[in-house]
């Protein structure tokens, strides 16, 4: 039986906003502040040999890397983790956007 963490979805994917402890409306400064706090708390150098701290540091870094970039954040907000899955798990972010941009608009234009 797999135990889910509060910041993961039912299929085990990390919920980036929850990892950083910020609202979806958080601005760049709030994201940075939240990330720095977690990075300092869980940094492997401050927690040698602590696998749980190492995992939390990795997850915070992953979340921050996506949310600090406005393009990636927009993709994540719209498509979730599917925006970043490779060919084996789904379309990559740019492929998803390319597919969406080829759909006709309500007026019939693409």
C-alpha atoms as a PDB file:
ATOM      1  CA  UNK A   1       0.000   0.000   0.000  1.00  0.00           C
ATOM      2  CA  UNK A   2       1.382   3.382  -1.024  1.00  0.00           C
ATOM      3  CA  UNK A   3       0.998   6.234   1.455  1.00  0.00           C
ATOM      4  CA  UNK A   4       0.130   9.578  -0.106  1.00  0.00           C
ATOM      5  CA  UNK A   5       1.567  12.790   1.232  1.00  0.00           C
ATOM      6  CA  UNK A   6      -0.751  15.774   1.684  1.00  0.00           C
ATOM      7  CA  UNK A   7       0.946  17.584  -1.189  1.00  0.00           C
ATOM      8  CA  UNK A   8       0.491  14.840  -3.766  1.00  0.00           C
ATOM      9  CA  UNK A   9      -2.410  13.907  -6.006  1.00  0.00           C
ATOM     10  CA  UNK A  10      -3.999  10.457  -5.977  1.00  0.00           C
ATOM     11  CA  UNK A  11      -1.564   9.341  -8.688  1.00  0.00           C
ATOM     12  CA  UNK A  12       1.448  10.551  -6.688  1.00  0.00           C
ATOM     13  CA  UNK A  13       2.127  13.815  -8.515  1.00  0.00           C
ATOM     14  CA  UNK A  14       3.317  16.753  -6.465  1.00  0.00           C
ATOM     15  CA  UNK A  15       0.959  19.693  -5.998  1.00  0.00           C
ATOM     16  CA  UNK A  16       3.337  22.581  -6.433  1.00  0.00           C
ATOM     17  CA  UNK A  17       1.369  25.299  -4.648  1.00  0.00           C
ATOM     18  CA  UNK A  18       0.802  23.066  -1.625  1.00  0.00           C
ATOM     19  CA  UNK A  19       4.468  22.085  -1.464  1.00  0.00           C
ATOM     20  CA  UNK A  20       5.467  25.745  -1.190  1.00  0.00           C
ATOM     21  CA  UNK A  21       2.529  26.553   1.085  1.00  0.00           C
ATOM     22  CA  UNK A  22       1.285  29.414  -1.092  1.00  0.00           C
ATOM     23  CA  UNK A  23      -2.001  30.340  -2.712  1.00  0.00           C
ATOM     24  CA  UNK A  24      -2.430  29.992  -6.463  1.00  0.00           C
ATOM     25  CA  UNK A  25      -2.505  33.800  -6.626  1.00  0.00           C
ATOM     26  CA  UNK A  26       0.942  34.156  -4.981  1.00  0.00           C
ATOM     27  CA  UNK A  27       3.229  36.704  -6.607  1.00  0.00           C
ATOM     28  CA  UNK A  28       6.919  36.187  -7.443  1.00  0.00           C
ATOM     29  CA  UNK A  29       8.120  37.560  -4.102  1.00  0.00           C
ATOM     30  CA  UNK A  30       5.791  35.278  -2.135  1.00  0.00           C
ATOM     31  CA  UNK A  31       6.962  32.257  -4.136  1.00  0.00           C
ATOM     32  CA  UNK A  32      10.605  33.123  -3.593  1.00  0.00           C
ATOM     33  CA  UNK A  33      10.138  33.706   0.132  1.00  0.00           C
ATOM     34  CA  UNK A  34       8.277  30.420   0.585  1.00  0.00           C
ATOM     35  CA  UNK A  35      10.877  28.500  -1.405  1.00  0.00           C
ATOM     36  CA  UNK A  36      13.822  30.006   0.454  1.00  0.00           C
ATOM     37  CA  UNK A  37      12.255  29.142   3.802  1.00  0.00           C
ATOM     38  CA  UNK A  38      11.798  25.498   2.778  1.00  0.00           C
ATOM     39  CA  UNK A  39      15.191  25.304   1.090  1.00  0.00           C
ATOM     40  CA  UNK A  40      16.919  26.516   4.245  1.00  0.00           C
ATOM     41  CA  UNK A  41      14.907  24.139   6.426  1.00  0.00           C
ATOM     42  CA  UNK A  42      15.367  21.008   4.307  1.00  0.00           C
ATOM     43  CA  UNK A  43      18.713  21.595   2.580  1.00  0.00           C
ATOM     44  CA  UNK A  44      20.759  18.367   2.518  1.00  0.00           C
ATOM     45  CA  UNK A  45      23.775  20.147   4.025  1.00  0.00           C
ATOM     46  CA  UNK A  46      21.691  21.019   7.091  1.00  0.00           C
ATOM     47  CA  UNK A  47      20.183  17.525   7.266  1.00  0.00           C
ATOM     48  CA  UNK A  48      22.958  15.068   6.360  1.00  0.00           C
ATOM     49  CA  UNK A  49      21.647  11.561   5.860  1.00  0.00           C
ATOM     50  CA  UNK A  50      18.001  12.586   6.290  1.00  0.00           C
ATOM     51  CA  UNK A  51      16.221  11.130   3.242  1.00  0.00           C
ATOM     52  CA  UNK A  52      12.887  12.752   4.144  1.00  0.00           C
ATOM     53  CA  UNK A  53      14.457  16.226   4.268  1.00  0.00           C
ATOM     54  CA  UNK A  54      16.265  15.516   1.004  1.00  0.00           C
ATOM     55  CA  UNK A  55      12.953  14.554  -0.648  1.00  0.00           C
ATOM     56  CA  UNK A  56      11.210  17.685   0.664  1.00  0.00           C
ATOM     57  CA  UNK A  57      14.082  19.843  -0.598  1.00  0.00           C
ATOM     58  CA  UNK A  58      13.856  18.215  -4.028  1.00  0.00           C
ATOM     59  CA  UNK A  59      10.083  18.681  -4.192  1.00  0.00           C
ATOM     60  CA  UNK A  60      10.304  22.337  -3.103  1.00  0.00           C
ATOM     61  CA  UNK A  61      12.962  22.988  -5.732  1.00  0.00           C
ATOM     62  CA  UNK A  62      10.905  21.284  -8.438  1.00  0.00           C
ATOM     63  CA  UNK A  63       7.813  23.293  -7.472  1.00  0.00           C
ATOM     64  CA  UNK A  64       9.713  26.570  -7.417  1.00  0.00           C
ATOM     65  CA  UNK A  65      11.375  25.904 -10.782  1.00  0.00           C
ATOM     66  CA  UNK A  66       7.958  25.556 -12.402  1.00  0.00           C
ATOM     67  CA  UNK A  67       6.090  28.300 -10.567  1.00  0.00           C
ATOM     68  CA  UNK A  68       8.787  30.993 -10.844  1.00  0.00           C
ATOM     69  CA  UNK A  69       8.692  30.815 -14.656  1.00  0.00           C
ATOM     70  CA  UNK A  70       5.550  32.562 -15.898  1.00  0.00           C
ATOM     71  CA  UNK A  71       5.278  30.373 -19.014  1.00  0.00           C
ATOM     72  CA  UNK A  72       5.704  27.105 -17.100  1.00  0.00           C
ATOM     73  CA  UNK A  73       3.366  28.318 -14.370  1.00  0.00           C
ATOM     74  CA  UNK A  74       0.676  29.126 -16.913  1.00  0.00           C
ATOM     75  CA  UNK A  75       1.064  25.670 -18.477  1.00  0.00           C
ATOM     76  CA  UNK A  76       0.929  24.012 -15.047  1.00  0.00           C
ATOM     77  CA  UNK A  77      -2.166  25.999 -14.070  1.00  0.00           C
ATOM     78  CA  UNK A  78      -3.907  24.987 -17.290  1.00  0.00           C
ATOM     79  CA  UNK A  79      -2.755  21.392 -17.787  1.00  0.00           C
ATOM     80  CA  UNK A  80      -1.236  20.288 -14.476  1.00  0.00           C
ATOM     81  CA  UNK A  81       1.633  17.833 -14.710  1.00  0.00           C
ATOM     82  CA  UNK A  82       0.535  16.754 -18.185  1.00  0.00           C
ATOM     83  CA  UNK A  83       2.137  19.950 -19.499  1.00  0.00           C
ATOM     84  CA  UNK A  84       5.580  18.562 -18.633  1.00  0.00           C
ATOM     85  CA  UNK A  85       5.261  14.848 -19.327  1.00  0.00           C
ATOM     86  CA  UNK A  86       7.467  13.487 -22.054  1.00  0.00           C
ATOM     87  CA  UNK A  87       6.535  11.183 -24.928  1.00  0.00           C
ATOM     88  CA  UNK A  88       6.157   8.149 -22.654  1.00  0.00           C
ATOM     89  CA  UNK A  89       3.581   9.799 -20.401  1.00  0.00           C
ATOM     90  CA  UNK A  90       1.928  12.325 -22.652  1.00  0.00           C
ATOM     91  CA  UNK A  91       2.731  15.386 -24.664  1.00  0.00           C
ATOM     92  CA  UNK A  92       5.480  17.754 -23.631  1.00  0.00           C
ATOM     93  CA  UNK A  93       4.618  21.325 -22.666  1.00  0.00           C
ATOM     94  CA  UNK A  94       5.366  22.922 -26.023  1.00  0.00           C
ATOM     95  CA  UNK A  95       3.546  20.111 -27.833  1.00  0.00           C
ATOM     96  CA  UNK A  96       0.451  20.644 -25.690  1.00  0.00           C
ATOM     97  CA  UNK A  97       0.445  24.357 -26.431  1.00  0.00           C
ATOM     98  CA  UNK A  98       1.006  23.728 -30.138  1.00  0.00           C
ATOM     99  CA  UNK A  99      -1.988  21.383 -30.221  1.00  0.00           C
ATOM    100  CA  UNK A 100      -4.194  23.818 -28.347  1.00  0.00           C
ATOM    101  CA  UNK A 101      -3.238  26.709 -30.632  1.00  0.00           C
ATOM    102  CA  UNK A 102      -4.330  24.705 -33.694  1.00  0.00           C
ATOM    103  CA  UNK A 103      -7.897  24.285 -32.436  1.00  0.00           C
ATOM    104  CA  UNK A 104     -10.347  26.527 -34.257  1.00  0.00           C
ATOM    105  CA  UNK A 105     -11.602  29.586 -32.434  1.00  0.00           C
ATOM    106  CA  UNK A 106     -15.351  30.108 -31.901  1.00  0.00           C
ATOM    107  CA  UNK A 107     -15.314  32.276 -35.060  1.00  0.00           C
ATOM    108  CA  UNK A 108     -13.825  29.446 -37.118  1.00  0.00           C
ATOM    109  CA  UNK A 109     -10.282  30.856 -37.345  1.00  0.00           C
ATOM    110  CA  UNK A 110      -7.297  28.888 -36.080  1.00  0.00           C
END
